[in-house]
Amino acid sequence: MPKNEQSKKQENQMNEETKSTLVGYARKSNAGGAIKLSINTSAFADCATYVTSDGQAYVPLIIPINALQRVLSGDRAVTTVTQIND
């Protein structure tokens, strides 16, 4: 199986097995030197958080590495930013 098809199959299996909430998108900047994140404020407000020992609150988000690599290489224009729902 070609590498691209195998990566897509693995990503689809992960999505089927894991429930997640779409929070936004990641894409390469026009200049190519950065990753731009576009986060939906409504979805972000609904995300679960965790608090560290120093009292700071964080929102754990996921960007699949394989999908991000395809964005960086130019094979894909955009990928998702999600939160895994337990």
C-alpha atoms as a PDB file:
ATOM      1  CA  MET A   1       0.000   0.000   0.000  1.00  0.00           C
ATOM      2  CA  PRO A   2       1.437   3.442  -0.903  1.00  0.00           C
ATOM      3  CA  LYS A   3       2.619   5.552   2.036  1.00  0.00           C
ATOM      4  CA  ASN A   4      -0.054   8.263   1.549  1.00  0.00           C
ATOM      5  CA  GLU A   5      -2.869   5.710   1.495  1.00  0.00           C
ATOM      6  CA  GLN A   6      -1.478   3.972   4.578  1.00  0.00           C
ATOM      7  CA  SER A   7      -1.257   7.273   6.492  1.00  0.00           C
ATOM      8  CA  LYS A   8      -4.836   8.178   5.528  1.00  0.00           C
ATOM      9  CA  LYS A   9      -6.051   4.720   6.580  1.00  0.00           C
ATOM     10  CA  GLN A  10      -4.301   5.034   9.968  1.00  0.00           C
ATOM     11  CA  GLU A  11      -5.732   8.539  10.504  1.00  0.00           C
ATOM     12  CA  ASN A  12      -9.251   7.362   9.600  1.00  0.00           C
ATOM     13  CA  GLN A  13      -8.926   4.434  12.022  1.00  0.00           C
ATOM     14  CA  MET A  14      -7.827   6.831  14.780  1.00  0.00           C
ATOM     15  CA  ASN A  15     -10.822   9.075  14.054  1.00  0.00           C
ATOM     16  CA  GLU A  16     -13.226   6.117  14.130  1.00  0.00           C
ATOM     17  CA  GLU A  17     -11.848   4.785  17.430  1.00  0.00           C
ATOM     18  CA  THR A  18     -11.462   8.141  19.161  1.00  0.00           C
ATOM     19  CA  LYS A  19     -14.193  10.679  19.731  1.00  0.00           C
ATOM     20  CA  SER A  20     -12.965  14.209  19.223  1.00  0.00           C
ATOM     21  CA  THR A  21     -14.255  17.749  18.869  1.00  0.00           C
ATOM     22  CA  LEU A  22     -13.163  19.944  15.973  1.00  0.00           C
ATOM     23  CA  VAL A  23     -11.688  23.126  17.426  1.00  0.00           C
ATOM     24  CA  GLY A  24      -9.973  24.668  14.404  1.00  0.00           C
ATOM     25  CA  TYR A  25      -7.528  24.286  11.546  1.00  0.00           C
ATOM     26  CA  ALA A  26      -3.771  24.464  11.009  1.00  0.00           C
ATOM     27  CA  ARG A  27      -2.126  25.605   7.772  1.00  0.00           C
ATOM     28  CA  LYS A  28       1.264  26.777   6.574  1.00  0.00           C
ATOM     29  CA  SER A  29       1.668  30.560   6.395  1.00  0.00           C
ATOM     30  CA  ASN A  30       1.907  32.212   2.980  1.00  0.00           C
ATOM     31  CA  ALA A  31       5.596  32.906   3.574  1.00  0.00           C
ATOM     32  CA  GLY A  32       6.065  29.278   4.615  1.00  0.00           C
ATOM     33  CA  GLY A  33       7.931  30.026   7.816  1.00  0.00           C
ATOM     34  CA  ALA A  34       5.174  29.318  10.326  1.00  0.00           C
ATOM     35  CA  ILE A  35       2.072  27.294  11.065  1.00  0.00           C
ATOM     36  CA  LYS A  36      -1.108  29.369  11.328  1.00  0.00           C
ATOM     37  CA  LEU A  37      -3.783  28.158  13.737  1.00  0.00           C
ATOM     38  CA  SER A  38      -7.387  29.236  13.276  1.00  0.00           C
ATOM     39  CA  ILE A  39      -9.351  28.380  16.404  1.00  0.00           C
ATOM     40  CA  ASN A  40     -13.139  28.638  16.601  1.00  0.00           C
ATOM     41  CA  THR A  41     -13.815  30.660  19.763  1.00  0.00           C
ATOM     42  CA  SER A  42     -17.124  28.945  20.452  1.00  0.00           C
ATOM     43  CA  ALA A  43     -15.606  25.464  20.180  1.00  0.00           C
ATOM     44  CA  PHE A  44     -12.583  26.551  22.245  1.00  0.00           C
ATOM     45  CA  ALA A  45     -14.848  27.840  25.026  1.00  0.00           C
ATOM     46  CA  ASP A  46     -16.503  24.412  25.175  1.00  0.00           C
ATOM     47  CA  CYS A  47     -13.196  22.521  25.490  1.00  0.00           C
ATOM     48  CA  ALA A  48     -12.198  20.661  28.616  1.00  0.00           C
ATOM     49  CA  THR A  49      -9.232  22.058  30.540  1.00  0.00           C
ATOM     50  CA  TYR A  50      -6.728  20.859  33.091  1.00  0.00           C
ATOM     51  CA  VAL A  51      -4.942  22.769  35.826  1.00  0.00           C
ATOM     52  CA  THR A  52      -1.243  22.412  36.639  1.00  0.00           C
ATOM     53  CA  SER A  53       0.223  22.427  40.139  1.00  0.00           C
ATOM     54  CA  ASP A  54       0.979  26.149  39.845  1.00  0.00           C
ATOM     55  CA  GLY A  55      -2.700  26.920  39.188  1.00  0.00           C
ATOM     56  CA  GLN A  56      -2.439  27.604  35.436  1.00  0.00           C
ATOM     57  CA  ALA A  57      -5.275  26.256  33.258  1.00  0.00           C
ATOM     58  CA  TYR A  58      -4.578  24.716  29.844  1.00  0.00           C
ATOM     59  CA  VAL A  59      -6.660  23.359  26.959  1.00  0.00           C
ATOM     60  CA  PRO A  60      -5.157  20.126  25.553  1.00  0.00           C
ATOM     61  CA  LEU A  61      -5.429  20.100  21.745  1.00  0.00           C
ATOM     62  CA  ILE A  62      -4.252  17.622  19.114  1.00  0.00           C
ATOM     63  CA  ILE A  63      -2.792  18.049  15.616  1.00  0.00           C
ATOM     64  CA  PRO A  64      -1.976  14.691  13.968  1.00  0.00           C
ATOM     65  CA  ILE A  65       1.732  14.571  13.072  1.00  0.00           C
ATOM     66  CA  ASN A  66       1.199  12.770   9.744  1.00  0.00           C
ATOM     67  CA  ALA A  67      -1.366  15.329   8.631  1.00  0.00           C
ATOM     68  CA  LEU A  68       0.832  18.236   9.760  1.00  0.00           C
ATOM     69  CA  GLN A  69       3.785  16.803   7.819  1.00  0.00           C
ATOM     70  CA  ARG A  70       1.604  16.695   4.693  1.00  0.00           C
ATOM     71  CA  VAL A  71       0.698  20.368   5.235  1.00  0.00           C
ATOM     72  CA  LEU A  72       4.375  21.275   5.654  1.00  0.00           C
ATOM     73  CA  SER A  73       5.368  19.368   2.516  1.00  0.00           C
ATOM     74  CA  GLY A  74       2.603  21.017   0.484  1.00  0.00           C
ATOM     75  CA  ASP A  75       0.670  17.786  -0.135  1.00  0.00           C
ATOM     76  CA  ARG A  76      -2.239  19.177   1.856  1.00  0.00           C
ATOM     77  CA  ALA A  77      -3.436  22.750   2.404  1.00  0.00           C
ATOM     78  CA  VAL A  78      -4.953  22.369   5.865  1.00  0.00           C
ATOM     79  CA  THR A  79      -5.420  19.907   8.731  1.00  0.00           C
ATOM     80  CA  THR A  80      -7.572  19.835  11.834  1.00  0.00           C
ATOM     81  CA  VAL A  81      -6.982  20.911  15.419  1.00  0.00           C
ATOM     82  CA  THR A  82      -9.111  18.806  17.767  1.00  0.00           C
ATOM     83  CA  GLN A  83      -9.652  17.914  21.392  1.00  0.00           C
ATOM     84  CA  ILE A  84      -9.975  14.261  22.322  1.00  0.00           C
ATOM     85  CA  ASN A  85     -13.170  13.533  24.249  1.00  0.00           C
ATOM     86  CA  ASP A  86     -12.744  10.937  27.003  1.00  0.00           C
END
